[in-house]
Amino acid sequence: MHDVGRLTGLPSRLGRLSAKVKPAPKVAESFYQSPEWRRLVASIKRQRGNWCERCGSTNRVIADHIHERRDGGADLDPSNIELLCAKHHAAKTAAARATRARGGGQKSGKA
């Protein structure tokens, strides 16, 4: 029987990643750069205020689709838009991705 403790003492054959390696920057879809989207977001922020609708934070407020476009949500319907701080936006997006990964959500063919 082999002593598992000995294996931990073997040198790694894999090198370490340089501290300079960083993930590629996120590139927004062209839809989010469109004049229509930008006008809608500006209008919603004027009407509702520029703060997170979940916690009231004013830190990096993002207009987010409640029902994501890729899951069939309406692109430019103000009732499908929620203003979220960066923290709540990241959590909501991660939850939606996890749901899709488990086979949930509607596939509409939209990006």
N, C-alpha and C. Protein backbone atom coordinates (compact mmCIF):
# COMPACT_ATOMS: atom_id res chain seq x y z
N MET A 1 0.85 -1.17 0.00
CA MET A 1 0.00 0.00 0.00
C MET A 1 0.89 1.23 0.00
N HIS A 2 0.50 2.24 -0.81
CA HIS A 2 1.31 3.44 -0.93
C HIS A 2 0.98 4.42 0.17
N ASP A 3 1.98 5.11 0.61
CA ASP A 3 1.81 6.14 1.62
C ASP A 3 1.41 7.44 0.90
N VAL A 4 0.17 7.88 1.08
CA VAL A 4 -0.34 9.07 0.42
C VAL A 4 0.47 10.30 0.83
N GLY A 5 0.99 10.32 2.04
CA GLY A 5 1.77 11.44 2.52
C GLY A 5 2.99 11.73 1.65
N ARG A 6 3.53 10.73 1.04
CA ARG A 6 4.70 10.92 0.20
C ARG A 6 4.36 11.72 -1.05
N LEU A 7 3.15 11.57 -1.55
CA LEU A 7 2.76 12.26 -2.78
C LEU A 7 2.74 13.77 -2.61
N THR A 8 2.43 14.21 -1.43
CA THR A 8 2.37 15.65 -1.22
C THR A 8 3.74 16.29 -1.28
N GLY A 9 4.77 15.49 -1.13
CA GLY A 9 6.12 16.04 -1.16
C GLY A 9 6.70 16.12 -2.56
N LEU A 10 6.00 15.61 -3.56
CA LEU A 10 6.50 15.66 -4.93
C LEU A 10 6.41 17.08 -5.47
N PRO A 11 7.40 17.50 -6.22
CA PRO A 11 7.32 18.85 -6.80
C PRO A 11 6.24 18.90 -7.88
N SER A 12 5.63 20.03 -8.00
CA SER A 12 4.58 20.21 -9.00
C SER A 12 5.20 20.30 -10.39
N ARG A 13 4.56 19.67 -11.34
CA ARG A 13 5.02 19.78 -12.72
C ARG A 13 4.38 20.99 -13.40
N LEU A 14 3.40 21.57 -12.75
CA LEU A 14 2.73 22.75 -13.29
C LEU A 14 3.39 24.00 -12.74
N GLY A 15 3.70 24.91 -13.60
CA GLY A 15 4.26 26.17 -13.14
C GLY A 15 3.18 27.04 -12.55
N ARG A 16 3.57 28.03 -11.84
CA ARG A 16 2.61 28.98 -11.28
C ARG A 16 2.30 30.04 -12.32
N LEU A 17 1.06 30.54 -12.28
CA LEU A 17 0.69 31.62 -13.17
C LEU A 17 1.33 32.92 -12.69
N SER A 18 1.71 33.70 -13.63
CA SER A 18 2.28 35.00 -13.30
C SER A 18 1.22 35.85 -12.61
N ALA A 19 1.63 36.67 -11.68
CA ALA A 19 0.70 37.57 -11.00
C ALA A 19 0.14 38.59 -11.98
N LYS A 20 0.75 38.72 -13.14
CA LYS A 20 0.30 39.68 -14.15
C LYS A 20 -0.84 39.15 -15.00
N VAL A 21 -1.15 37.85 -14.92
CA VAL A 21 -2.23 37.27 -15.72
C VAL A 21 -3.56 37.73 -15.15
N LYS A 22 -4.36 38.36 -16.00
CA LYS A 22 -5.67 38.85 -15.58
C LYS A 22 -6.71 38.40 -16.58
N PRO A 23 -7.95 38.24 -16.14
CA PRO A 23 -9.00 37.86 -17.09
C PRO A 23 -9.21 38.97 -18.12
N ALA A 24 -9.68 38.58 -19.29
CA ALA A 24 -9.96 39.57 -20.33
C ALA A 24 -11.07 40.49 -19.85
N PRO A 25 -11.01 41.76 -20.20
CA PRO A 25 -12.06 42.68 -19.78
C PRO A 25 -13.39 42.33 -20.43
N LYS A 26 -14.46 42.58 -19.69
CA LYS A 26 -15.80 42.31 -20.21
C LYS A 26 -16.09 43.31 -21.32
N VAL A 27 -16.65 42.82 -22.40
CA VAL A 27 -17.04 43.68 -23.51
C VAL A 27 -18.56 43.68 -23.57
N ALA A 28 -19.14 44.86 -23.46
CA ALA A 28 -20.61 44.97 -23.49
C ALA A 28 -21.13 44.66 -24.88
N GLU A 29 -22.30 44.04 -24.93
CA GLU A 29 -22.96 43.79 -26.21
C GLU A 29 -23.26 45.13 -26.87
N SER A 30 -23.29 45.14 -28.17
CA SER A 30 -23.56 46.39 -28.89
C SER A 30 -24.92 46.97 -28.51
N PHE A 31 -25.89 46.13 -28.15
CA PHE A 31 -27.22 46.61 -27.74
C PHE A 31 -27.09 47.64 -26.62
N TYR A 32 -26.19 47.38 -25.66
CA TYR A 32 -26.05 48.26 -24.50
C TYR A 32 -25.31 49.56 -24.82
N GLN A 33 -24.81 49.66 -26.04
CA GLN A 33 -24.19 50.90 -26.50
C GLN A 33 -25.13 51.70 -27.39
N SER A 34 -26.29 51.13 -27.69
CA SER A 34 -27.22 51.76 -28.64
C SER A 34 -27.85 53.02 -28.06
N PRO A 35 -28.18 53.98 -28.93
CA PRO A 35 -28.84 55.21 -28.48
C PRO A 35 -30.18 54.92 -27.79
N GLU A 36 -30.90 53.90 -28.27
CA GLU A 36 -32.21 53.57 -27.69
C GLU A 36 -32.06 53.12 -26.23
N TRP A 37 -31.08 52.25 -25.97
CA TRP A 37 -30.85 51.77 -24.61
C TRP A 37 -30.39 52.91 -23.71
N ARG A 38 -29.47 53.70 -24.19
CA ARG A 38 -28.94 54.81 -23.39
C ARG A 38 -30.04 55.82 -23.05
N ARG A 39 -30.92 56.12 -24.02
CA ARG A 39 -32.05 57.04 -23.75
C ARG A 39 -32.98 56.45 -22.70
N LEU A 40 -33.29 55.15 -22.84
CA LEU A 40 -34.19 54.49 -21.89
C LEU A 40 -33.60 54.54 -20.48
N VAL A 41 -32.34 54.21 -20.33
CA VAL A 41 -31.70 54.20 -19.02
C VAL A 41 -31.71 55.60 -18.42
N ALA A 42 -31.36 56.60 -19.20
CA ALA A 42 -31.36 57.98 -18.71
C ALA A 42 -32.76 58.38 -18.24
N SER A 43 -33.77 58.00 -19.00
CA SER A 43 -35.15 58.31 -18.64
C SER A 43 -35.56 57.62 -17.34
N ILE A 44 -35.22 56.36 -17.20
CA ILE A 44 -35.57 55.60 -15.99
C ILE A 44 -34.87 56.20 -14.77
N LYS A 45 -33.60 56.56 -14.92
CA LYS A 45 -32.87 57.15 -13.79
C LYS A 45 -33.44 58.51 -13.40
N ARG A 46 -33.92 59.28 -14.38
CA ARG A 46 -34.57 60.56 -14.06
C ARG A 46 -35.88 60.32 -13.30
N GLN A 47 -36.65 59.33 -13.73
CA GLN A 47 -37.95 59.05 -13.12
C GLN A 47 -37.83 58.41 -11.74
N ARG A 48 -36.96 57.42 -11.62
CA ARG A 48 -36.88 56.63 -10.39
C ARG A 48 -35.80 57.10 -9.43
N GLY A 49 -34.85 57.84 -9.92
CA GLY A 49 -33.69 58.22 -9.13
C GLY A 49 -32.53 57.30 -9.47
N ASN A 50 -31.33 57.77 -9.23
CA ASN A 50 -30.13 57.02 -9.59
C ASN A 50 -29.60 56.25 -8.38
N TRP A 51 -30.39 55.28 -7.91
CA TRP A 51 -29.96 54.44 -6.79
C TRP A 51 -30.50 53.03 -6.96
N CYS A 52 -29.88 52.10 -6.27
CA CYS A 52 -30.26 50.69 -6.32
C CYS A 52 -31.68 50.52 -5.78
N GLU A 53 -32.51 49.85 -6.53
CA GLU A 53 -33.90 49.63 -6.12
C GLU A 53 -34.02 48.54 -5.05
N ARG A 54 -32.92 47.89 -4.73
CA ARG A 54 -32.94 46.87 -3.68
C ARG A 54 -32.40 47.39 -2.35
N CYS A 55 -31.33 48.20 -2.41
CA CYS A 55 -30.70 48.61 -1.14
C CYS A 55 -30.54 50.12 -1.00
N GLY A 56 -30.79 50.87 -2.06
CA GLY A 56 -30.67 52.32 -1.99
C GLY A 56 -29.28 52.87 -2.25
N SER A 57 -28.31 51.99 -2.51
CA SER A 57 -26.94 52.45 -2.77
C SER A 57 -26.90 53.30 -4.04
N THR A 58 -25.99 54.27 -4.05
CA THR A 58 -25.78 55.07 -5.25
C THR A 58 -24.45 54.71 -5.91
N ASN A 59 -23.83 53.62 -5.48
CA ASN A 59 -22.53 53.18 -5.99
C ASN A 59 -22.71 52.39 -7.29
N ARG A 60 -22.22 52.93 -8.40
CA ARG A 60 -22.24 52.24 -9.70
C ARG A 60 -23.61 51.63 -10.00
N VAL A 61 -24.60 52.46 -10.20
CA VAL A 61 -25.96 51.99 -10.47
C VAL A 61 -26.08 51.56 -11.93
N ILE A 62 -26.58 50.36 -12.13
CA ILE A 62 -26.67 49.73 -13.45
C ILE A 62 -28.13 49.43 -13.75
N ALA A 63 -28.57 49.75 -14.97
CA ALA A 63 -29.90 49.37 -15.41
C ALA A 63 -29.83 47.92 -15.87
N ASP A 64 -30.66 47.08 -15.29
CA ASP A 64 -30.59 45.64 -15.55
C ASP A 64 -31.96 45.11 -15.95
N HIS A 65 -31.97 44.20 -16.90
CA HIS A 65 -33.23 43.55 -17.28
C HIS A 65 -33.65 42.60 -16.17
N ILE A 66 -34.87 42.75 -15.68
CA ILE A 66 -35.40 41.86 -14.65
C ILE A 66 -35.46 40.44 -15.21
N HIS A 67 -36.08 40.31 -16.36
CA HIS A 67 -36.11 39.04 -17.07
C HIS A 67 -35.11 39.21 -18.22
N GLU A 68 -33.97 38.54 -18.13
CA GLU A 68 -32.87 38.78 -19.06
C GLU A 68 -33.26 38.59 -20.52
N ARG A 69 -32.64 39.39 -21.37
CA ARG A 69 -32.91 39.34 -22.80
C ARG A 69 -32.72 37.94 -23.35
N ARG A 70 -31.65 37.29 -22.95
CA ARG A 70 -31.37 35.95 -23.48
C ARG A 70 -32.38 34.91 -23.00
N ASP A 71 -33.15 35.27 -21.99
CA ASP A 71 -34.20 34.37 -21.49
C ASP A 71 -35.58 34.82 -21.96
N GLY A 72 -35.62 35.74 -22.92
CA GLY A 72 -36.89 36.16 -23.49
C GLY A 72 -37.43 37.48 -22.97
N GLY A 73 -36.68 38.18 -22.13
CA GLY A 73 -37.13 39.46 -21.60
C GLY A 73 -37.16 40.55 -22.66
N ALA A 74 -38.10 41.48 -22.51
CA ALA A 74 -38.25 42.57 -23.46
C ALA A 74 -37.05 43.51 -23.40
N ASP A 75 -36.52 43.86 -24.55
CA ASP A 75 -35.32 44.70 -24.65
C ASP A 75 -35.50 46.09 -24.05
N LEU A 76 -36.55 46.79 -24.46
CA LEU A 76 -36.69 48.21 -24.14
C LEU A 76 -37.97 48.52 -23.37
N ASP A 77 -38.50 47.57 -22.63
CA ASP A 77 -39.70 47.78 -21.82
C ASP A 77 -39.28 48.27 -20.43
N PRO A 78 -39.64 49.50 -20.07
CA PRO A 78 -39.23 50.03 -18.76
C PRO A 78 -39.67 49.16 -17.58
N SER A 79 -40.77 48.43 -17.73
CA SER A 79 -41.22 47.57 -16.63
C SER A 79 -40.33 46.34 -16.46
N ASN A 80 -39.46 46.09 -17.44
CA ASN A 80 -38.52 44.97 -17.35
C ASN A 80 -37.13 45.45 -16.93
N ILE A 81 -37.01 46.69 -16.49
CA ILE A 81 -35.72 47.25 -16.10
C ILE A 81 -35.72 47.54 -14.60
N GLU A 82 -34.65 47.13 -13.94
CA GLU A 82 -34.45 47.39 -12.51
C GLU A 82 -33.10 48.07 -12.36
N LEU A 83 -33.04 49.11 -11.55
CA LEU A 83 -31.78 49.78 -11.27
C LEU A 83 -31.11 49.09 -10.09
N LEU A 84 -29.88 48.61 -10.30
CA LEU A 84 -29.17 47.85 -9.28
C LEU A 84 -27.77 48.40 -9.07
N CYS A 85 -27.29 48.34 -7.83
CA CYS A 85 -25.89 48.66 -7.55
C CYS A 85 -25.04 47.51 -8.10
N ALA A 86 -23.75 47.73 -8.21
CA ALA A 86 -22.86 46.72 -8.78
C ALA A 86 -22.97 45.39 -8.02
N LYS A 87 -23.07 45.45 -6.70
CA LYS A 87 -23.15 44.23 -5.88
C LYS A 87 -24.41 43.42 -6.20
N HIS A 88 -25.57 44.09 -6.22
CA HIS A 88 -26.81 43.37 -6.51
C HIS A 88 -26.88 42.93 -7.97
N HIS A 89 -26.31 43.72 -8.88
CA HIS A 89 -26.29 43.32 -10.29
C HIS A 89 -25.47 42.04 -10.47
N ALA A 90 -24.30 41.99 -9.85
CA ALA A 90 -23.45 40.80 -9.96
C ALA A 90 -24.14 39.57 -9.39
N ALA A 91 -24.79 39.71 -8.24
CA ALA A 91 -25.48 38.58 -7.61
C ALA A 91 -26.64 38.10 -8.47
N LYS A 92 -27.42 39.03 -9.01
CA LYS A 92 -28.57 38.66 -9.84
C LYS A 92 -28.11 37.97 -11.12
N THR A 93 -27.07 38.51 -11.75
CA THR A 93 -26.55 37.93 -12.98
C THR A 93 -26.00 36.53 -12.73
N ALA A 94 -25.29 36.33 -11.64
CA ALA A 94 -24.75 35.01 -11.31
C ALA A 94 -25.87 34.01 -11.07
N ALA A 95 -26.93 34.44 -10.40
CA ALA A 95 -28.07 33.55 -10.14
C ALA A 95 -28.76 33.16 -11.45
N ALA A 96 -28.91 34.12 -12.36
CA ALA A 96 -29.54 33.82 -13.65
C ALA A 96 -28.69 32.85 -14.47
N ARG A 97 -27.37 33.04 -14.44
CA ARG A 97 -26.48 32.11 -15.15
C ARG A 97 -26.57 30.71 -14.56
N ALA A 98 -26.62 30.62 -13.25
CA ALA A 98 -26.73 29.31 -12.59
C ALA A 98 -28.04 28.63 -12.96
N THR A 99 -29.11 29.40 -13.02
CA THR A 99 -30.41 28.84 -13.41
C THR A 99 -30.35 28.30 -14.83
N ARG A 100 -29.75 29.08 -15.74
CA ARG A 100 -29.62 28.61 -17.13
C ARG A 100 -28.75 27.36 -17.20
N ALA A 101 -27.68 27.32 -16.41
CA ALA A 101 -26.77 26.16 -16.43
C ALA A 101 -27.48 24.89 -15.97
N ARG A 102 -28.47 25.07 -15.08
CA ARG A 102 -29.25 23.92 -14.61
C ARG A 102 -30.39 23.58 -15.57
N GLY A 103 -30.48 24.33 -16.68
CA GLY A 103 -31.52 24.05 -17.67
C GLY A 103 -32.76 24.89 -17.48
N GLY A 104 -32.73 25.85 -16.58
CA GLY A 104 -33.88 26.73 -16.37
C GLY A 104 -33.83 27.91 -17.31
N GLY A 105 -34.84 28.73 -17.29
CA GLY A 105 -34.90 29.92 -18.16
C GLY A 105 -35.36 29.55 -19.54
N GLN A 106 -35.91 30.53 -20.24
CA GLN A 106 -36.38 30.32 -21.58
C GLN A 106 -35.30 30.74 -22.55
N LYS A 107 -35.08 29.95 -23.57
CA LYS A 107 -34.10 30.30 -24.59
C LYS A 107 -34.83 31.01 -25.71
N SER A 108 -34.38 32.22 -26.02
CA SER A 108 -35.05 32.98 -27.07
C SER A 108 -34.17 33.21 -28.27
N GLY A 109 -32.89 32.86 -28.16
CA GLY A 109 -31.97 33.12 -29.25
C GLY A 109 -31.34 34.50 -29.16
N LYS A 110 -31.78 35.33 -28.24
CA LYS A 110 -31.19 36.66 -28.06
C LYS A 110 -29.91 36.53 -27.25
N ALA A 111 -29.02 37.45 -27.48
CA ALA A 111 -27.76 37.43 -26.71
C ALA A 111 -27.93 38.12 -25.39
